[in-house]
Protein backbone atom coordinates (compact mmCIF):
# COMPACT_ATOMS: atom_id res chain seq x y z
CA MET A 1 9.55 50.49 -76.65
CA THR A 2 9.92 53.82 -74.93
CA ASP A 3 12.66 54.92 -73.11
CA LEU A 4 11.27 54.71 -69.81
CA THR A 5 10.42 51.10 -70.63
CA TYR A 6 13.92 50.16 -71.53
CA LEU A 7 15.23 51.95 -68.60
CA SER A 8 12.92 50.15 -66.26
CA ASN A 9 13.87 46.81 -67.76
CA GLN A 10 17.65 47.62 -67.09
CA VAL A 11 16.77 48.53 -63.51
CA LEU A 12 14.92 45.04 -63.26
CA ASP A 13 18.18 43.55 -64.48
CA ALA A 14 20.42 45.22 -62.29
CA ILE A 15 18.02 44.34 -59.08
CA ARG A 16 18.19 40.82 -60.46
CA ASN A 17 21.81 40.77 -60.00
CA THR A 18 22.22 41.97 -56.86
CA PRO A 19 23.35 40.09 -54.03
CA GLU A 20 20.27 40.84 -51.87
CA TYR A 21 17.94 39.42 -54.69
CA ALA A 22 20.20 36.22 -55.07
CA GLU A 23 20.01 35.57 -51.46
CA PHE A 24 16.25 36.13 -51.46
CA ILE A 25 15.53 33.84 -54.32
CA ARG A 26 18.02 31.02 -52.70
CA LEU A 27 16.14 31.33 -49.48
CA LEU A 28 12.63 31.43 -51.04
CA ASN A 29 13.40 28.14 -52.98
CA GLN A 30 15.06 26.68 -49.82
CA LEU A 31 11.70 27.39 -48.15
CA ARG A 32 9.50 25.96 -50.86
CA GLU A 33 11.17 22.57 -50.58
CA ASN A 34 8.96 22.33 -47.38
CA PRO A 35 5.51 23.21 -48.62
CA GLU A 36 3.61 23.39 -45.26
CA LEU A 37 6.00 25.47 -43.73
CA TYR A 38 5.82 27.84 -46.70
CA ALA A 39 2.24 27.93 -46.52
CA ARG A 40 2.49 28.81 -43.05
CA VAL A 41 4.95 31.64 -43.70
CA ASP A 42 2.74 33.01 -46.42
CA GLU A 43 -0.22 33.05 -44.27
CA MET A 44 1.75 34.92 -41.71
CA ARG A 45 3.10 37.50 -44.19
CA ASP A 46 -0.46 38.12 -45.51
CA LYS A 47 -1.81 38.63 -42.04
CA ASN A 48 1.05 40.65 -40.98
CA PHE A 49 0.42 42.99 -44.06
CA LEU A 50 -3.33 43.44 -43.25
CA ILE A 51 -2.38 44.45 -39.74
CA GLN A 52 0.12 47.06 -41.17
CA GLN A 53 -2.16 48.26 -43.55
CA GLY A 54 -5.75 48.01 -42.08
CA ASP A 55 -7.80 49.75 -39.32
CA ILE A 56 -8.82 46.68 -37.95
CA GLY A 57 -8.29 47.17 -34.44
CA ASP A 58 -5.40 47.73 -31.96
CA PRO A 59 -2.15 46.91 -34.16
CA TYR A 60 -0.26 45.90 -30.85
CA ASP A 61 -2.83 43.28 -29.84
CA MET A 62 -2.81 41.96 -33.27
CA MET A 63 0.67 41.62 -33.62
CA ASP A 64 0.96 39.97 -30.45
CA ALA A 65 -1.98 37.63 -31.35
CA LEU A 66 0.06 36.95 -34.79
CA THR A 67 3.33 36.17 -32.87
CA ASN A 68 1.39 33.74 -30.59
CA GLU A 69 -0.30 31.82 -33.53
CA TYR A 70 3.04 31.67 -35.51
CA GLU A 71 5.49 31.19 -32.89
CA ASP A 72 6.81 28.11 -34.18
CA VAL A 73 7.16 29.51 -37.77
CA ILE A 74 8.95 32.60 -36.16
CA ASN A 75 11.54 30.54 -34.30
CA ASN A 76 12.46 28.77 -37.24
CA LYS A 77 15.95 29.40 -38.33
CA SER A 78 15.31 29.10 -42.15
CA VAL A 79 12.10 31.40 -41.91
CA GLY A 80 14.21 34.05 -40.07
CA GLU A 81 16.94 33.80 -42.62
CA PHE A 82 14.08 34.27 -45.40
CA ILE A 83 12.37 36.98 -43.70
CA ASN A 84 15.88 39.10 -43.15
CA ALA A 85 16.54 38.38 -46.88
CA GLU A 86 13.02 39.68 -47.81
CA VAL A 87 13.39 42.87 -45.77
CA ALA A 88 17.07 43.49 -47.19
CA LEU A 89 15.58 43.30 -50.77
CA CYS A 90 12.65 45.51 -49.74
CA ARG A 91 14.85 48.19 -48.33
CA MET A 92 16.85 48.15 -51.26
CA ILE A 93 13.82 48.71 -53.70
CA HIS A 94 12.40 51.19 -51.13
CA GLU A 95 15.42 53.08 -51.24
CA PHE A 96 15.63 53.03 -55.12
CA ASN A 97 11.97 54.23 -55.08
CA ARG A 98 12.67 57.05 -52.52
CA ASN A 99 15.41 58.20 -54.92
CA VAL A 100 13.36 58.39 -58.06
CA THR A 101 10.43 60.23 -56.24
CA ALA A 102 12.82 62.61 -54.57
CA GLY A 103 13.81 63.69 -57.86
CA LEU A 104 10.42 64.61 -59.22
CA GLU A 105 8.01 67.37 -58.10
CA ILE A 106 5.25 65.64 -56.95
CA GLU A 107 2.98 66.98 -54.37
């Protein structure tokens, strides 16, 4: 095992031991207890990702349409808690990635 592989495994263990990850997993498991709601949340997240990543039209109009289509999902308290936990986890990982790349001379 290379040093980098070993260190990346340590980083994974460190992430798995954060309160952000624990909360994300707790809420994910809670959401999975309702398969229909979980499926709707997953659809919404997929569509949101495509809107954010693609050149498929006016993103503002598309986000409005997405909000209207999934209004019942967005207004669900457990979904809101899950999305907030997911965002917190992603921010933590993003900050880690930013710190790593800032220390490298990549152009």
